[in-house]
Amino acid sequence: MLEKIVCNKLIRKLYSVYFLNVLDWVCTVLLLKTGMFYEANPVARMFIGSLSLGFLLKCVVPFAVVFVVTRFMHILSIRELRLVDMMISFALTVYLAVILDHIINFLIFLIN
């Protein structure tokens, strides 16, 4: 029973990470279009110029991964679920910092 409650919480957090991932991509594309900003991630620089490839790599593939992971999460033990919770919480923290950076950059763009 506890595993099911923990799994449901983790699934919501995992989809939150996915949402922030997509929001990061959208914000990055919009900021790049201003010409005042550049992509800091060297891996993302390789595909950020192509909207279709960016959509595939930042939206479709991660959704498929999240979908599959959530289907198999129930086989993990409580100890393993706690570890997964820490990793997802870390990812949420990182993405929230990235989104905050995007907000600051949008404000800088609007001021200039």
C-alpha atoms as a PDB file:
ATOM      1  CA  MET A   1       0.000   0.000   0.000  1.00  0.00           C
ATOM      2  CA  LEU A   2       2.780   2.422   0.925  1.00  0.00           C
ATOM      3  CA  GLU A   3       4.561   1.616  -2.334  1.00  0.00           C
ATOM      4  CA  LYS A   4       1.475   2.595  -4.317  1.00  0.00           C
ATOM      5  CA  ILE A   5       1.191   5.947  -2.520  1.00  0.00           C
ATOM      6  CA  VAL A   6       4.904   6.648  -3.026  1.00  0.00           C
ATOM      7  CA  CYS A   7       4.697   5.603  -6.689  1.00  0.00           C
ATOM      8  CA  ASN A   8       1.773   7.955  -7.335  1.00  0.00           C
ATOM      9  CA  LYS A   9       3.699  10.836  -5.733  1.00  0.00           C
ATOM     10  CA  LEU A  10       6.786  10.034  -7.808  1.00  0.00           C
ATOM     11  CA  ILE A  11       4.786   9.784 -11.003  1.00  0.00           C
ATOM     12  CA  ARG A  12       3.385  13.286 -10.438  1.00  0.00           C
ATOM     13  CA  LYS A  13       6.889  14.593  -9.730  1.00  0.00           C
ATOM     14  CA  LEU A  14       8.261  12.845 -12.812  1.00  0.00           C
ATOM     15  CA  TYR A  15       5.626  14.416 -15.058  1.00  0.00           C
ATOM     16  CA  SER A  16       6.475  17.773 -13.436  1.00  0.00           C
ATOM     17  CA  VAL A  17      10.093  17.272 -14.496  1.00  0.00           C
ATOM     18  CA  TYR A  18       8.855  16.468 -18.000  1.00  0.00           C
ATOM     19  CA  PHE A  19       6.731  19.635 -18.083  1.00  0.00           C
ATOM     20  CA  LEU A  20       9.677  21.759 -16.925  1.00  0.00           C
ATOM     21  CA  ASN A  21      11.865  20.100 -19.567  1.00  0.00           C
ATOM     22  CA  VAL A  22       9.418  21.118 -22.303  1.00  0.00           C
ATOM     23  CA  LEU A  23       9.065  24.604 -20.815  1.00  0.00           C
ATOM     24  CA  ASP A  24      12.864  24.918 -20.807  1.00  0.00           C
ATOM     25  CA  TRP A  25      12.985  24.023 -24.496  1.00  0.00           C
ATOM     26  CA  VAL A  26      10.228  26.505 -25.415  1.00  0.00           C
ATOM     27  CA  CYS A  27      11.830  29.307 -23.393  1.00  0.00           C
ATOM     28  CA  THR A  28      15.243  28.557 -24.878  1.00  0.00           C
ATOM     29  CA  VAL A  29      13.894  28.703 -28.432  1.00  0.00           C
ATOM     30  CA  LEU A  30      12.126  32.002 -27.716  1.00  0.00           C
ATOM     31  CA  LEU A  31      15.189  33.547 -26.081  1.00  0.00           C
ATOM     32  CA  LEU A  32      17.440  32.433 -28.945  1.00  0.00           C
ATOM     33  CA  LYS A  33      15.108  34.132 -31.421  1.00  0.00           C
ATOM     34  CA  THR A  34      15.840  37.484 -29.736  1.00  0.00           C
ATOM     35  CA  GLY A  35      19.468  37.205 -30.848  1.00  0.00           C
ATOM     36  CA  MET A  36      20.642  38.361 -27.412  1.00  0.00           C
ATOM     37  CA  PHE A  37      21.139  34.914 -25.909  1.00  0.00           C
ATOM     38  CA  TYR A  38      22.890  31.676 -26.775  1.00  0.00           C
ATOM     39  CA  GLU A  39      22.447  28.027 -25.810  1.00  0.00           C
ATOM     40  CA  ALA A  40      24.854  27.278 -22.955  1.00  0.00           C
ATOM     41  CA  ASN A  41      24.464  23.508 -23.225  1.00  0.00           C
ATOM     42  CA  PRO A  42      26.928  22.220 -25.853  1.00  0.00           C
ATOM     43  CA  VAL A  43      24.865  19.070 -26.478  1.00  0.00           C
ATOM     44  CA  ALA A  44      21.657  21.029 -27.014  1.00  0.00           C
ATOM     45  CA  ARG A  45      23.463  23.409 -29.372  1.00  0.00           C
ATOM     46  CA  MET A  46      23.698  20.565 -31.878  1.00  0.00           C
ATOM     47  CA  PHE A  47      19.918  20.300 -32.296  1.00  0.00           C
ATOM     48  CA  ILE A  48      18.455  23.559 -31.018  1.00  0.00           C
ATOM     49  CA  GLY A  49      18.422  25.090 -34.516  1.00  0.00           C
ATOM     50  CA  SER A  50      15.979  22.476 -35.793  1.00  0.00           C
ATOM     51  CA  LEU A  51      12.486  22.797 -34.320  1.00  0.00           C
ATOM     52  CA  SER A  52      11.457  19.329 -35.452  1.00  0.00           C
ATOM     53  CA  LEU A  53      14.578  17.658 -34.046  1.00  0.00           C
ATOM     54  CA  GLY A  54      14.317  19.740 -30.871  1.00  0.00           C
ATOM     55  CA  PHE A  55      10.664  18.733 -30.469  1.00  0.00           C
ATOM     56  CA  LEU A  56      11.570  15.094 -30.956  1.00  0.00           C
ATOM     57  CA  LEU A  57      14.508  15.142 -28.517  1.00  0.00           C
ATOM     58  CA  LYS A  58      13.008  17.436 -25.861  1.00  0.00           C
ATOM     59  CA  CYS A  59       9.326  16.445 -26.009  1.00  0.00           C
ATOM     60  CA  VAL A  60       8.599  13.121 -27.692  1.00  0.00           C
ATOM     61  CA  VAL A  61      11.528  10.980 -26.488  1.00  0.00           C
ATOM     62  CA  PRO A  62      11.380  12.195 -22.860  1.00  0.00           C
ATOM     63  CA  PHE A  63       7.608  11.613 -22.770  1.00  0.00           C
ATOM     64  CA  ALA A  64       8.109   8.058 -24.005  1.00  0.00           C
ATOM     65  CA  VAL A  65      10.782   7.475 -21.356  1.00  0.00           C
ATOM     66  CA  VAL A  66       8.592   8.917 -18.578  1.00  0.00           C
ATOM     67  CA  PHE A  67       5.644   6.851 -19.781  1.00  0.00           C
ATOM     68  CA  VAL A  68       7.644   3.605 -19.737  1.00  0.00           C
ATOM     69  CA  VAL A  69       9.307   4.375 -16.391  1.00  0.00           C
ATOM     70  CA  THR A  70       5.961   5.071 -14.737  1.00  0.00           C
ATOM     71  CA  ARG A  71       4.639   1.731 -15.966  1.00  0.00           C
ATOM     72  CA  PHE A  72       7.503  -0.176 -14.305  1.00  0.00           C
ATOM     73  CA  MET A  73       7.948   1.922 -11.180  1.00  0.00           C
ATOM     74  CA  HIS A  74       5.649  -0.333  -9.153  1.00  0.00           C
ATOM     75  CA  ILE A  75       8.205  -3.179  -9.173  1.00  0.00           C
ATOM     76  CA  LEU A  76      10.701  -1.144  -7.119  1.00  0.00           C
ATOM     77  CA  SER A  77      11.160  -1.587  -3.383  1.00  0.00           C
ATOM     78  CA  ILE A  78      10.573   1.249  -0.912  1.00  0.00           C
ATOM     79  CA  ARG A  79      14.336   1.735  -0.629  1.00  0.00           C
ATOM     80  CA  GLU A  80      14.680   2.009  -4.401  1.00  0.00           C
ATOM     81  CA  LEU A  81      11.698   4.356  -4.576  1.00  0.00           C
ATOM     82  CA  ARG A  82      13.357   6.650  -2.033  1.00  0.00           C
ATOM     83  CA  LEU A  83      16.457   6.801  -4.219  1.00  0.00           C
ATOM     84  CA  VAL A  84      14.293   7.561  -7.257  1.00  0.00           C
ATOM     85  CA  ASP A  85      12.547  10.272  -5.224  1.00  0.00           C
ATOM     86  CA  MET A  86      15.895  11.924  -4.432  1.00  0.00           C
ATOM     87  CA  MET A  87      16.931  11.846  -8.096  1.00  0.00           C
ATOM     88  CA  ILE A  88      13.609  13.279  -9.281  1.00  0.00           C
ATOM     89  CA  SER A  89      13.743  15.971  -6.583  1.00  0.00           C
ATOM     90  CA  PHE A  90      17.245  16.909  -7.744  1.00  0.00           C
ATOM     91  CA  ALA A  91      16.038  17.134 -11.360  1.00  0.00           C
ATOM     92  CA  LEU A  92      13.091  19.303 -10.264  1.00  0.00           C
ATOM     93  CA  THR A  93      15.445  21.626  -8.392  1.00  0.00           C
ATOM     94  CA  VAL A  94      17.756  21.957 -11.397  1.00  0.00           C
ATOM     95  CA  TYR A  95      14.888  22.623 -13.804  1.00  0.00           C
ATOM     96  CA  LEU A  96      13.335  25.184 -11.451  1.00  0.00           C
ATOM     97  CA  ALA A  97      16.681  27.012 -11.376  1.00  0.00           C
ATOM     98  CA  VAL A  98      16.846  26.880 -15.192  1.00  0.00           C
ATOM     99  CA  ILE A  99      13.297  28.238 -15.506  1.00  0.00           C
ATOM    100  CA  LEU A 100      14.135  31.008 -13.029  1.00  0.00           C
ATOM    101  CA  ASP A 101      17.131  31.868 -15.210  1.00  0.00           C
ATOM    102  CA  HIS A 102      14.840  32.011 -18.259  1.00  0.00           C
ATOM    103  CA  ILE A 103      12.467  34.353 -16.422  1.00  0.00           C
ATOM    104  CA  ILE A 104      15.367  36.629 -15.504  1.00  0.00           C
ATOM    105  CA  ASN A 105      16.579  36.574 -19.127  1.00  0.00           C
ATOM    106  CA  PHE A 106      13.095  37.437 -20.411  1.00  0.00           C
ATOM    107  CA  LEU A 107      13.035  40.396 -17.993  1.00  0.00           C
ATOM    108  CA  ILE A 108      16.480  41.505 -19.191  1.00  0.00           C
ATOM    109  CA  PHE A 109      15.237  41.318 -22.778  1.00  0.00           C
ATOM    110  CA  LEU A 110      12.132  43.363 -21.963  1.00  0.00           C
ATOM    111  CA  ILE A 111      14.163  46.036 -20.137  1.00  0.00           C
ATOM    112  CA  ASN A 112      16.636  46.429 -23.012  1.00  0.00           C
END
